[in-house]
Amino acid sequence: MDEVWDLPAGDLLRPTGPEWLLHLLVSIPACQRAPTLMTFWRIWHAHNEMTHDKPCPPIESSRRFLVRYLNSLMLIKQFPSADIIKGKMVVNPEQGFQKTEAQTDGRQKVRKKWVAPPLGEAKLNTDGAYSSQAAGTGMALRDHRGEIIYAACRSIPHCGDATEAEIMAIEEGLQLALHWTALKFTVESDCAEAVDMINGSTLCFQNQCHS
C-alpha cells in the first residue's frame, strides 16, 4: 500500500506495547492516519478469512478496494452537498477530510432532477471535472426504476481541459455500460461540446445508445 499511500515507515508499524497503535496515530501526520487504519483493517479482514478456511483476498484486489473506499470517504467529506452518484467532483488527497469551499473547474453547477429512461431500458450519466491541479471522471448506469447497475469514479493523471475530461468520462462510461448490461441505454452528459464532437464522429458501439 505504500506505493499508493503515504504510510508511516515500516519500523513504526511494529507493535511495541498494549497501546502502541494509539501512540502511533498521535505521532504521525493526520494525512497518514486514515490510510494506516484502513490498511490494518484490511489485514485483519484477510486474517479472519484465513482463520475460517476461506481464501485470502488477492493483494491487488485489496489495494484497489482500499483506494476506492478511502477516495469515496474523502469525496463525501470534501463535497458534502454534491451529487455523489453523478460524480462531478475530483478528490484532493492532500485535503483529506476537509470540506471543499468551492468547485474548481470553473463551470456553473446546475442541479437537475434525474429523468428515468423508458421501461426496460437504462440511462448512463457521465461527467468530467477538471482544474489545473487535478481531473477526474464519474459515471452511473441506472435502470428505469432508478436502481444502480454500476457506478464508478476515478482520477485522471493527464488531462488537457474540461472537454477532454468529459469525453474520457463518456468513453469509460460506455465501456463499463457495455460490460454491465445488455439493455438498450441512453447516454446523458451536461457538456454540449463533448456531445457534439461525439455525434459528429463515426464511433460505433456494440449496444444501441444515444447522446
N, C-alpha and C. Protein backbone atom coordinates (compact mmCIF):
# COMPACT_ATOMS: atom_id res chain seq x y z
N MET A 1 0.81 -1.22 0.00
CA MET A 1 0.00 0.00 0.00
C MET A 1 0.84 1.27 0.00
N ASP A 2 2.10 1.14 0.42
CA ASP A 2 2.93 2.35 0.45
C ASP A 2 3.29 2.84 -0.94
N GLU A 3 2.93 2.06 -2.00
CA GLU A 3 3.15 2.53 -3.37
C GLU A 3 2.09 3.54 -3.78
N VAL A 4 0.92 3.52 -3.14
CA VAL A 4 -0.16 4.43 -3.50
C VAL A 4 -0.54 5.38 -2.36
N TRP A 5 -0.15 5.05 -1.14
CA TRP A 5 -0.46 5.88 0.02
C TRP A 5 0.80 6.30 0.75
N ASP A 6 0.71 7.42 1.43
CA ASP A 6 1.80 7.89 2.29
C ASP A 6 1.61 7.25 3.66
N LEU A 7 2.31 6.15 3.89
CA LEU A 7 2.19 5.41 5.15
C LEU A 7 3.42 5.63 6.02
N PRO A 8 3.33 5.41 7.32
CA PRO A 8 4.50 5.52 8.21
C PRO A 8 5.58 4.53 7.82
N ALA A 9 6.80 4.82 8.21
CA ALA A 9 7.92 3.91 7.95
C ALA A 9 7.64 2.55 8.58
N GLY A 10 8.19 1.51 7.95
CA GLY A 10 7.91 0.15 8.38
C GLY A 10 8.23 -0.13 9.83
N ASP A 11 9.32 0.44 10.35
CA ASP A 11 9.70 0.16 11.74
C ASP A 11 8.71 0.73 12.75
N LEU A 12 7.92 1.74 12.32
CA LEU A 12 6.92 2.32 13.22
C LEU A 12 5.67 1.45 13.32
N LEU A 13 5.52 0.51 12.41
CA LEU A 13 4.32 -0.32 12.37
C LEU A 13 4.45 -1.60 13.17
N ARG A 14 5.58 -1.78 13.86
CA ARG A 14 5.78 -2.96 14.69
C ARG A 14 5.25 -2.72 16.09
N PRO A 15 4.43 -3.63 16.62
CA PRO A 15 3.87 -3.45 17.97
C PRO A 15 4.98 -3.35 19.02
N THR A 16 4.82 -2.38 19.92
CA THR A 16 5.81 -2.18 20.98
C THR A 16 5.18 -2.23 22.37
N GLY A 17 3.85 -2.44 22.43
CA GLY A 17 3.17 -2.48 23.72
C GLY A 17 1.68 -2.47 23.53
N PRO A 18 0.91 -2.53 24.62
CA PRO A 18 -0.55 -2.62 24.55
C PRO A 18 -1.21 -1.46 23.80
N GLU A 19 -0.65 -0.26 23.89
CA GLU A 19 -1.28 0.91 23.27
C GLU A 19 -0.40 1.49 22.16
N TRP A 20 0.39 0.64 21.52
CA TRP A 20 1.33 1.15 20.52
C TRP A 20 0.62 1.81 19.34
N LEU A 21 -0.56 1.29 18.96
CA LEU A 21 -1.27 1.87 17.82
C LEU A 21 -1.78 3.27 18.14
N LEU A 22 -2.27 3.47 19.36
CA LEU A 22 -2.72 4.81 19.76
C LEU A 22 -1.55 5.79 19.75
N HIS A 23 -0.41 5.36 20.28
CA HIS A 23 0.77 6.23 20.27
C HIS A 23 1.22 6.53 18.84
N LEU A 24 1.11 5.52 17.96
CA LEU A 24 1.49 5.72 16.56
C LEU A 24 0.60 6.77 15.90
N LEU A 25 -0.71 6.65 16.10
CA LEU A 25 -1.65 7.58 15.47
C LEU A 25 -1.45 9.01 15.95
N VAL A 26 -1.05 9.17 17.19
CA VAL A 26 -0.80 10.51 17.71
C VAL A 26 0.47 11.11 17.12
N SER A 27 1.44 10.25 16.85
CA SER A 27 2.76 10.75 16.42
C SER A 27 2.87 11.01 14.91
N ILE A 28 2.02 10.37 14.11
CA ILE A 28 2.15 10.53 12.65
C ILE A 28 1.29 11.68 12.16
N PRO A 29 1.57 12.23 10.96
CA PRO A 29 0.75 13.31 10.40
C PRO A 29 -0.69 12.86 10.19
N ALA A 30 -1.62 13.80 10.19
CA ALA A 30 -3.04 13.49 10.05
C ALA A 30 -3.32 12.77 8.73
N CYS A 31 -2.58 13.12 7.67
CA CYS A 31 -2.83 12.53 6.36
C CYS A 31 -2.50 11.03 6.33
N GLN A 32 -1.73 10.54 7.30
CA GLN A 32 -1.35 9.13 7.33
C GLN A 32 -2.28 8.28 8.20
N ARG A 33 -3.10 8.91 9.01
CA ARG A 33 -3.88 8.15 9.99
C ARG A 33 -4.95 7.28 9.34
N ALA A 34 -5.77 7.85 8.46
CA ALA A 34 -6.82 7.05 7.83
C ALA A 34 -6.25 5.92 6.97
N PRO A 35 -5.24 6.19 6.10
CA PRO A 35 -4.66 5.08 5.34
C PRO A 35 -4.07 3.98 6.22
N THR A 36 -3.45 4.37 7.34
CA THR A 36 -2.87 3.37 8.24
C THR A 36 -3.96 2.50 8.85
N LEU A 37 -5.02 3.12 9.36
CA LEU A 37 -6.11 2.36 9.97
C LEU A 37 -6.80 1.45 8.96
N MET A 38 -6.99 1.94 7.73
CA MET A 38 -7.66 1.13 6.72
C MET A 38 -6.79 -0.05 6.28
N THR A 39 -5.49 0.16 6.26
CA THR A 39 -4.58 -0.94 5.92
C THR A 39 -4.64 -2.03 6.98
N PHE A 40 -4.60 -1.64 8.25
CA PHE A 40 -4.72 -2.62 9.33
C PHE A 40 -6.07 -3.32 9.29
N TRP A 41 -7.11 -2.55 8.99
CA TRP A 41 -8.46 -3.13 8.91
C TRP A 41 -8.52 -4.21 7.84
N ARG A 42 -7.90 -3.96 6.68
CA ARG A 42 -7.92 -4.96 5.60
C ARG A 42 -7.07 -6.19 5.97
N ILE A 43 -5.96 -5.94 6.65
CA ILE A 43 -5.13 -7.07 7.11
C ILE A 43 -5.93 -7.95 8.08
N TRP A 44 -6.67 -7.31 8.97
CA TRP A 44 -7.48 -8.07 9.92
C TRP A 44 -8.56 -8.86 9.19
N HIS A 45 -9.15 -8.26 8.15
CA HIS A 45 -10.16 -8.98 7.35
C HIS A 45 -9.54 -10.21 6.69
N ALA A 46 -8.36 -10.03 6.08
CA ALA A 46 -7.69 -11.16 5.43
C ALA A 46 -7.36 -12.25 6.45
N HIS A 47 -6.93 -11.84 7.65
CA HIS A 47 -6.62 -12.80 8.72
C HIS A 47 -7.86 -13.60 9.10
N ASN A 48 -9.00 -12.92 9.22
CA ASN A 48 -10.24 -13.61 9.57
C ASN A 48 -10.66 -14.59 8.48
N GLU A 49 -10.49 -14.19 7.22
CA GLU A 49 -10.85 -15.08 6.12
C GLU A 49 -10.05 -16.38 6.20
N MET A 50 -8.75 -16.27 6.43
CA MET A 50 -7.92 -17.46 6.51
C MET A 50 -8.22 -18.28 7.76
N THR A 51 -8.56 -17.60 8.86
CA THR A 51 -8.90 -18.30 10.10
C THR A 51 -10.11 -19.20 9.91
N HIS A 52 -11.05 -18.74 9.07
CA HIS A 52 -12.27 -19.50 8.81
C HIS A 52 -12.17 -20.33 7.53
N ASP A 53 -10.94 -20.65 7.14
CA ASP A 53 -10.67 -21.52 6.00
C ASP A 53 -11.23 -20.99 4.68
N LYS A 54 -11.21 -19.66 4.54
CA LYS A 54 -11.61 -19.03 3.29
C LYS A 54 -10.36 -18.52 2.58
N PRO A 55 -10.40 -18.40 1.25
CA PRO A 55 -9.21 -17.91 0.53
C PRO A 55 -8.89 -16.47 0.90
N CYS A 56 -7.61 -16.18 1.02
CA CYS A 56 -7.17 -14.82 1.34
C CYS A 56 -7.39 -13.93 0.12
N PRO A 57 -7.95 -12.73 0.29
CA PRO A 57 -8.15 -11.84 -0.86
C PRO A 57 -6.82 -11.51 -1.52
N PRO A 58 -6.76 -11.49 -2.85
CA PRO A 58 -5.52 -11.13 -3.54
C PRO A 58 -5.05 -9.73 -3.14
N ILE A 59 -3.75 -9.54 -3.10
CA ILE A 59 -3.19 -8.25 -2.68
C ILE A 59 -3.66 -7.13 -3.59
N GLU A 60 -3.66 -7.36 -4.90
CA GLU A 60 -4.08 -6.31 -5.83
C GLU A 60 -5.54 -5.96 -5.63
N SER A 61 -6.37 -6.97 -5.36
CA SER A 61 -7.78 -6.72 -5.10
C SER A 61 -7.97 -5.89 -3.84
N SER A 62 -7.20 -6.20 -2.81
CA SER A 62 -7.27 -5.41 -1.56
C SER A 62 -6.80 -3.99 -1.79
N ARG A 63 -5.77 -3.83 -2.59
CA ARG A 63 -5.25 -2.48 -2.87
C ARG A 63 -6.32 -1.63 -3.56
N ARG A 64 -6.97 -2.18 -4.60
CA ARG A 64 -7.99 -1.43 -5.32
C ARG A 64 -9.17 -1.11 -4.41
N PHE A 65 -9.56 -2.09 -3.60
CA PHE A 65 -10.69 -1.88 -2.69
C PHE A 65 -10.42 -0.74 -1.71
N LEU A 66 -9.24 -0.77 -1.09
CA LEU A 66 -8.91 0.25 -0.10
C LEU A 66 -8.80 1.64 -0.72
N VAL A 67 -8.17 1.74 -1.89
CA VAL A 67 -8.02 3.04 -2.55
C VAL A 67 -9.39 3.62 -2.89
N ARG A 68 -10.27 2.79 -3.46
CA ARG A 68 -11.60 3.28 -3.83
C ARG A 68 -12.44 3.62 -2.61
N TYR A 69 -12.29 2.82 -1.56
CA TYR A 69 -13.06 3.07 -0.34
C TYR A 69 -12.66 4.40 0.29
N LEU A 70 -11.34 4.62 0.43
CA LEU A 70 -10.88 5.87 1.04
C LEU A 70 -11.23 7.06 0.16
N ASN A 71 -11.11 6.91 -1.16
CA ASN A 71 -11.49 8.00 -2.07
C ASN A 71 -12.96 8.35 -1.91
N SER A 72 -13.81 7.34 -1.74
CA SER A 72 -15.24 7.58 -1.57
C SER A 72 -15.51 8.34 -0.27
N LEU A 73 -14.81 7.96 0.80
CA LEU A 73 -15.00 8.65 2.08
C LEU A 73 -14.55 10.11 1.99
N MET A 74 -13.41 10.35 1.34
CA MET A 74 -12.93 11.73 1.20
C MET A 74 -13.85 12.53 0.29
N LEU A 75 -14.40 11.87 -0.73
CA LEU A 75 -15.32 12.54 -1.64
C LEU A 75 -16.54 13.06 -0.90
N ILE A 76 -17.08 12.22 -0.02
CA ILE A 76 -18.26 12.62 0.76
C ILE A 76 -17.92 13.77 1.70
N LYS A 77 -16.74 13.73 2.32
CA LYS A 77 -16.34 14.78 3.26
C LYS A 77 -16.01 16.09 2.54
N GLN A 78 -15.32 15.99 1.40
CA GLN A 78 -14.90 17.20 0.69
C GLN A 78 -16.05 17.89 -0.02
N PHE A 79 -17.06 17.09 -0.44
CA PHE A 79 -18.19 17.65 -1.17
C PHE A 79 -19.50 17.16 -0.53
N PRO A 80 -19.81 17.63 0.68
CA PRO A 80 -20.96 17.09 1.43
C PRO A 80 -22.31 17.34 0.78
N SER A 81 -22.44 18.38 -0.06
CA SER A 81 -23.73 18.68 -0.66
C SER A 81 -23.79 18.33 -2.14
N ALA A 82 -22.78 17.66 -2.65
CA ALA A 82 -22.74 17.35 -4.07
C ALA A 82 -23.48 16.06 -4.38
N ASP A 83 -23.76 15.85 -5.67
CA ASP A 83 -24.40 14.62 -6.14
C ASP A 83 -23.31 13.57 -6.33
N ILE A 84 -23.13 12.70 -5.33
CA ILE A 84 -22.05 11.73 -5.36
C ILE A 84 -22.23 10.73 -6.50
N ILE A 85 -23.47 10.34 -6.78
CA ILE A 85 -23.71 9.35 -7.82
C ILE A 85 -23.30 9.88 -9.18
N LYS A 86 -23.62 11.13 -9.46
CA LYS A 86 -23.28 11.69 -10.77
C LYS A 86 -21.78 11.88 -10.91
N GLY A 87 -21.11 12.21 -9.83
CA GLY A 87 -19.66 12.24 -9.85
C GLY A 87 -19.05 13.43 -10.51
N LYS A 88 -19.39 14.67 -10.08
CA LYS A 88 -18.82 15.88 -10.66
C LYS A 88 -17.54 16.32 -9.96
N MET A 89 -17.08 15.58 -8.99
CA MET A 89 -16.03 16.06 -8.11
C MET A 89 -14.73 15.31 -8.32
N VAL A 90 -13.64 15.98 -7.96
CA VAL A 90 -12.31 15.37 -8.01
C VAL A 90 -11.76 15.37 -6.59
N VAL A 91 -11.41 14.20 -6.09
CA VAL A 91 -10.86 14.09 -4.74
C VAL A 91 -9.45 14.65 -4.70
N ASN A 92 -9.18 15.47 -3.69
CA ASN A 92 -7.84 16.01 -3.46
C ASN A 92 -7.24 15.29 -2.26
N PRO A 93 -6.33 14.33 -2.46
CA PRO A 93 -5.78 13.55 -1.33
C PRO A 93 -5.13 14.43 -0.27
N GLU A 94 -4.49 15.53 -0.68
CA GLU A 94 -3.81 16.40 0.28
C GLU A 94 -4.80 17.11 1.18
N GLN A 95 -6.03 17.25 0.73
CA GLN A 95 -7.05 17.94 1.50
C GLN A 95 -7.68 17.02 2.54
N GLY A 96 -7.53 15.70 2.31
CA GLY A 96 -8.04 14.74 3.28
C GLY A 96 -9.54 14.83 3.47
N PHE A 97 -9.96 14.98 4.74
CA PHE A 97 -11.39 15.01 5.05
C PHE A 97 -11.90 16.43 5.27
N GLN A 98 -11.16 17.42 4.77
CA GLN A 98 -11.59 18.81 4.88
C GLN A 98 -12.56 19.14 3.76
N LYS A 99 -13.58 19.93 4.08
CA LYS A 99 -14.59 20.30 3.11
C LYS A 99 -14.03 21.25 2.06
N THR A 100 -14.39 21.03 0.81
CA THR A 100 -14.02 21.95 -0.27
C THR A 100 -14.97 23.12 -0.26
N GLU A 101 -14.42 24.32 -0.26
CA GLU A 101 -15.27 25.51 -0.16
C GLU A 101 -15.95 25.86 -1.47
N ALA A 102 -15.32 25.56 -2.59
CA ALA A 102 -15.89 25.95 -3.88
C ALA A 102 -15.51 24.95 -4.94
N GLN A 103 -16.30 24.83 -5.98
CA GLN A 103 -15.97 24.00 -7.11
C GLN A 103 -14.78 24.62 -7.84
N THR A 104 -13.96 23.80 -8.51
CA THR A 104 -12.71 24.31 -9.06
C THR A 104 -12.60 24.24 -10.56
N ASP A 105 -13.63 23.69 -11.28
CA ASP A 105 -13.44 23.57 -12.72
C ASP A 105 -14.02 24.75 -13.49
N GLY A 106 -14.58 25.75 -12.79
CA GLY A 106 -14.98 26.98 -13.43
C GLY A 106 -16.34 26.94 -14.09
N ARG A 107 -17.02 25.81 -14.15
CA ARG A 107 -18.31 25.73 -14.80
C ARG A 107 -19.42 25.92 -13.79
N GLN A 108 -20.51 26.53 -14.21
CA GLN A 108 -21.65 26.70 -13.33
C GLN A 108 -22.31 25.35 -13.08
N LYS A 109 -22.60 25.07 -11.82
CA LYS A 109 -23.20 23.80 -11.46
C LYS A 109 -24.71 23.97 -11.31
N VAL A 110 -25.47 23.20 -12.06
CA VAL A 110 -26.92 23.27 -12.00
C VAL A 110 -27.44 21.89 -11.61
N ARG A 111 -28.17 21.82 -10.51
CA ARG A 111 -28.72 20.55 -10.05
C ARG A 111 -30.06 20.30 -10.75
N LYS A 112 -30.14 19.21 -11.52
CA LYS A 112 -31.36 18.87 -12.23
C LYS A 112 -31.89 17.53 -11.74
N LYS A 113 -33.21 17.40 -11.81
CA LYS A 113 -33.83 16.14 -11.41
C LYS A 113 -33.54 15.07 -12.46
N TRP A 114 -33.16 13.89 -11.98
CA TRP A 114 -32.88 12.78 -12.90
C TRP A 114 -34.17 12.26 -13.48
N VAL A 115 -34.19 12.09 -14.80
CA VAL A 115 -35.37 11.58 -15.50
C VAL A 115 -35.11 10.12 -15.88
N ALA A 116 -36.00 9.26 -15.48
CA ALA A 116 -35.82 7.83 -15.72
C ALA A 116 -35.97 7.49 -17.21
N PRO A 117 -35.26 6.47 -17.67
CA PRO A 117 -35.42 6.00 -19.05
C PRO A 117 -36.72 5.21 -19.19
N PRO A 118 -37.12 4.86 -20.42
CA PRO A 118 -38.34 4.06 -20.61
C PRO A 118 -38.22 2.68 -19.96
N LEU A 119 -39.35 2.06 -19.74
CA LEU A 119 -39.41 0.73 -19.15
C LEU A 119 -38.54 -0.25 -19.95
N GLY A 120 -37.69 -1.01 -19.25
CA GLY A 120 -36.84 -1.99 -19.90
C GLY A 120 -35.56 -1.44 -20.49
N GLU A 121 -35.31 -0.14 -20.28
CA GLU A 121 -34.09 0.47 -20.77
C GLU A 121 -33.28 1.02 -19.60
N ALA A 122 -32.12 1.54 -19.89
CA ALA A 122 -31.24 2.10 -18.87
C ALA A 122 -30.73 3.47 -19.32
N LYS A 123 -30.18 4.21 -18.39
CA LYS A 123 -29.59 5.51 -18.72
C LYS A 123 -28.21 5.62 -18.08
N LEU A 124 -27.25 6.04 -18.87
CA LEU A 124 -25.89 6.26 -18.40
C LEU A 124 -25.64 7.75 -18.24
N ASN A 125 -25.35 8.20 -17.03
CA ASN A 125 -24.97 9.59 -16.77
C ASN A 125 -23.47 9.66 -16.56
N THR A 126 -22.82 10.56 -17.28
CA THR A 126 -21.37 10.71 -17.16
C THR A 126 -21.02 12.17 -16.92
N ASP A 127 -19.88 12.39 -16.30
CA ASP A 127 -19.42 13.76 -16.10
C ASP A 127 -17.91 13.76 -15.88
N GLY A 128 -17.27 14.82 -16.32
CA GLY A 128 -15.85 15.01 -16.08
C GLY A 128 -15.63 16.28 -15.30
N ALA A 129 -14.63 16.31 -14.47
CA ALA A 129 -14.26 17.51 -13.70
C ALA A 129 -12.80 17.82 -13.96
N TYR A 130 -12.50 19.10 -14.06
CA TYR A 130 -11.13 19.50 -14.41
C TYR A 130 -10.72 20.77 -13.68
N SER A 131 -9.49 20.80 -13.22
CA SER A 131 -8.86 22.02 -12.74
C SER A 131 -7.39 21.92 -13.11
N SER A 132 -6.65 22.97 -12.86
CA SER A 132 -5.22 22.96 -13.20
C SER A 132 -4.44 21.98 -12.33
N GLN A 133 -5.02 21.58 -11.19
CA GLN A 133 -4.33 20.66 -10.28
C GLN A 133 -4.76 19.20 -10.45
N ALA A 134 -5.99 18.97 -10.89
CA ALA A 134 -6.49 17.60 -10.94
C ALA A 134 -7.66 17.49 -11.90
N ALA A 135 -7.95 16.25 -12.29
CA ALA A 135 -9.09 15.98 -13.15
C ALA A 135 -9.64 14.61 -12.80
N GLY A 136 -10.91 14.39 -13.12
CA GLY A 136 -11.50 13.10 -12.81
C GLY A 136 -12.76 12.85 -13.61
N THR A 137 -13.24 11.61 -13.56
CA THR A 137 -14.46 11.23 -14.25
C THR A 137 -15.40 10.55 -13.27
N GLY A 138 -16.69 10.62 -13.58
CA GLY A 138 -17.69 9.93 -12.79
C GLY A 138 -18.78 9.43 -13.72
N MET A 139 -19.38 8.31 -13.39
CA MET A 139 -20.41 7.73 -14.25
C MET A 139 -21.32 6.82 -13.44
N ALA A 140 -22.58 6.74 -13.85
CA ALA A 140 -23.54 5.86 -13.19
C ALA A 140 -24.54 5.37 -14.22
N LEU A 141 -24.81 4.08 -14.20
CA LEU A 141 -25.80 3.46 -15.09
C LEU A 141 -26.97 2.99 -14.24
N ARG A 142 -28.19 3.45 -14.57
CA ARG A 142 -29.37 3.10 -13.79
C ARG A 142 -30.49 2.59 -14.70
N ASP A 143 -31.32 1.72 -14.15
CA ASP A 143 -32.45 1.21 -14.93
C ASP A 143 -33.64 2.14 -14.79
N HIS A 144 -34.81 1.72 -15.33
CA HIS A 144 -35.98 2.60 -15.35
C HIS A 144 -36.53 2.86 -13.95
N ARG A 145 -36.16 2.03 -12.98
CA ARG A 145 -36.60 2.24 -11.59
C ARG A 145 -35.65 3.15 -10.82
N GLY A 146 -34.53 3.49 -11.45
CA GLY A 146 -33.52 4.29 -10.76
C GLY A 146 -32.52 3.45 -10.01
N GLU A 147 -32.64 2.12 -10.12
CA GLU A 147 -31.69 1.22 -9.46
C GLU A 147 -30.34 1.27 -10.17
N ILE A 148 -29.28 1.38 -9.39
CA ILE A 148 -27.95 1.49 -9.97
C ILE A 148 -27.46 0.14 -10.47
N ILE A 149 -27.09 0.09 -11.75
CA ILE A 149 -26.47 -1.10 -12.32
C ILE A 149 -24.98 -1.08 -12.05
N TYR A 150 -24.37 0.08 -12.21
CA TYR A 150 -22.98 0.27 -11.78
C TYR A 150 -22.75 1.77 -11.59
N ALA A 151 -21.79 2.10 -10.76
CA ALA A 151 -21.34 3.48 -10.56
C ALA A 151 -19.85 3.46 -10.33
N ALA A 152 -19.15 4.45 -10.87
CA ALA A 152 -17.70 4.47 -10.74
C ALA A 152 -17.19 5.90 -10.85
N CYS A 153 -16.02 6.13 -10.30
CA CYS A 153 -15.33 7.40 -10.47
C CYS A 153 -13.84 7.16 -10.36
N ARG A 154 -13.04 7.99 -10.99
CA ARG A 154 -11.59 7.84 -10.91
C ARG A 154 -10.92 9.17 -11.25
N SER A 155 -9.70 9.30 -10.83
CA SER A 155 -8.92 10.48 -11.17
C SER A 155 -8.23 10.25 -12.51
N ILE A 156 -7.91 11.34 -13.21
CA ILE A 156 -7.22 11.28 -14.50
C ILE A 156 -5.84 11.90 -14.31
N PRO A 157 -4.78 11.12 -14.48
CA PRO A 157 -3.44 11.67 -14.24
C PRO A 157 -3.00 12.72 -15.25
N HIS A 158 -3.47 12.60 -16.50
CA HIS A 158 -3.07 13.56 -17.54
C HIS A 158 -4.30 13.99 -18.32
N CYS A 159 -4.63 15.27 -18.25
CA CYS A 159 -5.83 15.78 -18.92
C CYS A 159 -5.59 17.22 -19.34
N GLY A 160 -5.98 17.55 -20.59
CA GLY A 160 -5.70 18.88 -21.12
C GLY A 160 -6.70 19.95 -20.73
N ASP A 161 -7.98 19.60 -20.69
CA ASP A 161 -9.01 20.60 -20.37
C ASP A 161 -10.29 19.91 -19.94
N ALA A 162 -11.33 20.73 -19.65
CA ALA A 162 -12.58 20.18 -19.14
C ALA A 162 -13.29 19.32 -20.18
N THR A 163 -13.22 19.72 -21.46
CA THR A 163 -13.88 18.94 -22.51
C THR A 163 -13.26 17.56 -22.64
N GLU A 164 -11.94 17.50 -22.55
CA GLU A 164 -11.27 16.20 -22.62
C GLU A 164 -11.71 15.30 -21.46
N ALA A 165 -11.86 15.89 -20.28
CA ALA A 165 -12.32 15.11 -19.13
C ALA A 165 -13.73 14.58 -19.37
N GLU A 166 -14.59 15.41 -19.97
CA GLU A 166 -15.96 14.97 -20.28
C GLU A 166 -15.96 13.82 -21.28
N ILE A 167 -15.15 13.92 -22.32
CA ILE A 167 -15.09 12.87 -23.34
C ILE A 167 -14.55 11.57 -22.75
N MET A 168 -13.54 11.69 -21.90
CA MET A 168 -12.99 10.50 -21.26
C MET A 168 -14.02 9.84 -20.35
N ALA A 169 -14.86 10.66 -19.69
CA ALA A 169 -15.91 10.11 -18.84
C ALA A 169 -16.93 9.34 -19.68
N ILE A 170 -17.31 9.90 -20.83
CA ILE A 170 -18.26 9.24 -21.71
C ILE A 170 -17.67 7.94 -22.25
N GLU A 171 -16.41 8.00 -22.68
CA GLU A 171 -15.76 6.81 -23.25
C GLU A 171 -15.69 5.68 -22.22
N GLU A 172 -15.21 6.00 -21.02
CA GLU A 172 -15.09 4.96 -19.99
C GLU A 172 -16.47 4.48 -19.54
N GLY A 173 -17.42 5.43 -19.46
CA GLY A 173 -18.78 5.05 -19.07
C GLY A 173 -19.41 4.07 -20.04
N LEU A 174 -19.21 4.30 -21.34
CA LEU A 174 -19.73 3.39 -22.36
C LEU A 174 -19.09 2.01 -22.26
N GLN A 175 -17.79 1.98 -22.07
CA GLN A 175 -17.09 0.70 -21.97
C GLN A 175 -17.63 -0.12 -20.80
N LEU A 176 -17.83 0.53 -19.66
CA LEU A 176 -18.34 -0.17 -18.49
C LEU A 176 -19.80 -0.58 -18.68
N ALA A 177 -20.60 0.31 -19.30
CA ALA A 177 -22.02 0.00 -19.51
C ALA A 177 -22.19 -1.22 -20.41
N LEU A 178 -21.39 -1.29 -21.46
CA LEU A 178 -21.46 -2.44 -22.37
C LEU A 178 -21.06 -3.73 -21.67
N HIS A 179 -20.25 -3.59 -20.64
CA HIS A 179 -19.83 -4.77 -19.87
C HIS A 179 -20.90 -5.19 -18.87
N TRP A 180 -21.62 -4.20 -18.29
CA TRP A 180 -22.50 -4.48 -17.17
C TRP A 180 -23.95 -4.76 -17.57
N THR A 181 -24.36 -4.40 -18.78
CA THR A 181 -25.76 -4.61 -19.14
C THR A 181 -25.91 -4.95 -20.61
N ALA A 182 -26.98 -5.69 -20.90
CA ALA A 182 -27.36 -5.97 -22.29
C ALA A 182 -28.56 -5.12 -22.69
N LEU A 183 -29.03 -4.26 -21.78
CA LEU A 183 -30.17 -3.40 -22.06
C LEU A 183 -29.80 -2.29 -23.04
N LYS A 184 -30.79 -1.85 -23.79
CA LYS A 184 -30.61 -0.63 -24.57
C LYS A 184 -30.47 0.53 -23.58
N PHE A 185 -29.55 1.46 -23.84
CA PHE A 185 -29.37 2.56 -22.90
C PHE A 185 -29.07 3.86 -23.64
N THR A 186 -29.43 4.94 -23.00
CA THR A 186 -29.10 6.27 -23.50
C THR A 186 -27.94 6.82 -22.67
N VAL A 187 -27.24 7.79 -23.23
CA VAL A 187 -26.12 8.44 -22.55
C VAL A 187 -26.47 9.90 -22.33
N GLU A 188 -26.30 10.39 -21.12
CA GLU A 188 -26.63 11.77 -20.78
C GLU A 188 -25.39 12.48 -20.25
N SER A 189 -25.05 13.60 -20.86
CA SER A 189 -23.91 14.41 -20.43
C SER A 189 -24.32 15.86 -20.45
N ASP A 190 -23.78 16.67 -19.53
CA ASP A 190 -24.12 18.08 -19.50
C ASP A 190 -23.13 18.94 -20.28
N CYS A 191 -22.23 18.28 -21.05
CA CYS A 191 -21.24 19.01 -21.83
C CYS A 191 -21.66 18.97 -23.30
N ALA A 192 -22.25 20.07 -23.79
CA ALA A 192 -22.74 20.12 -25.17
C ALA A 192 -21.60 19.95 -26.17
N GLU A 193 -20.44 20.50 -25.86
CA GLU A 193 -19.31 20.41 -26.79
C GLU A 193 -18.88 18.96 -26.98
N ALA A 194 -18.80 18.21 -25.89
CA ALA A 194 -18.40 16.80 -25.98
C ALA A 194 -19.44 16.00 -26.76
N VAL A 195 -20.72 16.26 -26.50
CA VAL A 195 -21.79 15.55 -27.21
C VAL A 195 -21.74 15.86 -28.70
N ASP A 196 -21.53 17.13 -29.07
CA ASP A 196 -21.46 17.50 -30.48
C ASP A 196 -20.28 16.81 -31.17
N MET A 197 -19.14 16.73 -30.47
CA MET A 197 -17.97 16.08 -31.05
C MET A 197 -18.24 14.60 -31.30
N ILE A 198 -18.92 13.94 -30.35
CA ILE A 198 -19.21 12.52 -30.49
C ILE A 198 -20.25 12.29 -31.59
N ASN A 199 -21.29 13.13 -31.62
CA ASN A 199 -22.32 12.99 -32.65
C ASN A 199 -21.76 13.19 -34.05
N GLY A 200 -20.70 14.00 -34.16
CA GLY A 200 -20.11 14.25 -35.46
C GLY A 200 -19.05 13.25 -35.86
N SER A 201 -18.79 12.26 -34.97
CA SER A 201 -17.78 11.26 -35.27
C SER A 201 -18.42 10.04 -35.90
N THR A 202 -17.60 9.02 -36.16
CA THR A 202 -18.09 7.78 -36.77
C THR A 202 -17.95 6.62 -35.79
N LEU A 203 -18.08 6.92 -34.49
CA LEU A 203 -17.96 5.88 -33.48
C LEU A 203 -19.07 4.84 -33.64
N CYS A 204 -18.76 3.60 -33.40
CA CYS A 204 -19.74 2.51 -33.50
C CYS A 204 -19.58 1.61 -32.28
N PHE A 205 -20.68 1.40 -31.56
CA PHE A 205 -20.63 0.58 -30.36
C PHE A 205 -21.49 -0.66 -30.54
N GLN A 206 -21.27 -1.65 -29.69
CA GLN A 206 -21.97 -2.92 -29.80
C GLN A 206 -23.38 -2.86 -29.28
N ASN A 207 -23.73 -1.85 -28.53
CA ASN A 207 -25.05 -1.72 -27.99
C ASN A 207 -25.72 -0.49 -28.60
N GLN A 208 -27.03 -0.34 -28.50
CA GLN A 208 -27.71 0.84 -29.01
C GLN A 208 -27.68 1.91 -27.93
N CYS A 209 -27.16 3.08 -28.28
CA CYS A 209 -27.11 4.17 -27.32
C CYS A 209 -27.23 5.48 -28.05
N HIS A 210 -27.60 6.51 -27.31
CA HIS A 210 -27.80 7.84 -27.87
C HIS A 210 -27.14 8.86 -26.97
N SER A 211 -26.69 9.98 -27.53
CA SER A 211 -26.14 11.07 -26.73
C SER A 211 -27.26 12.08 -26.43
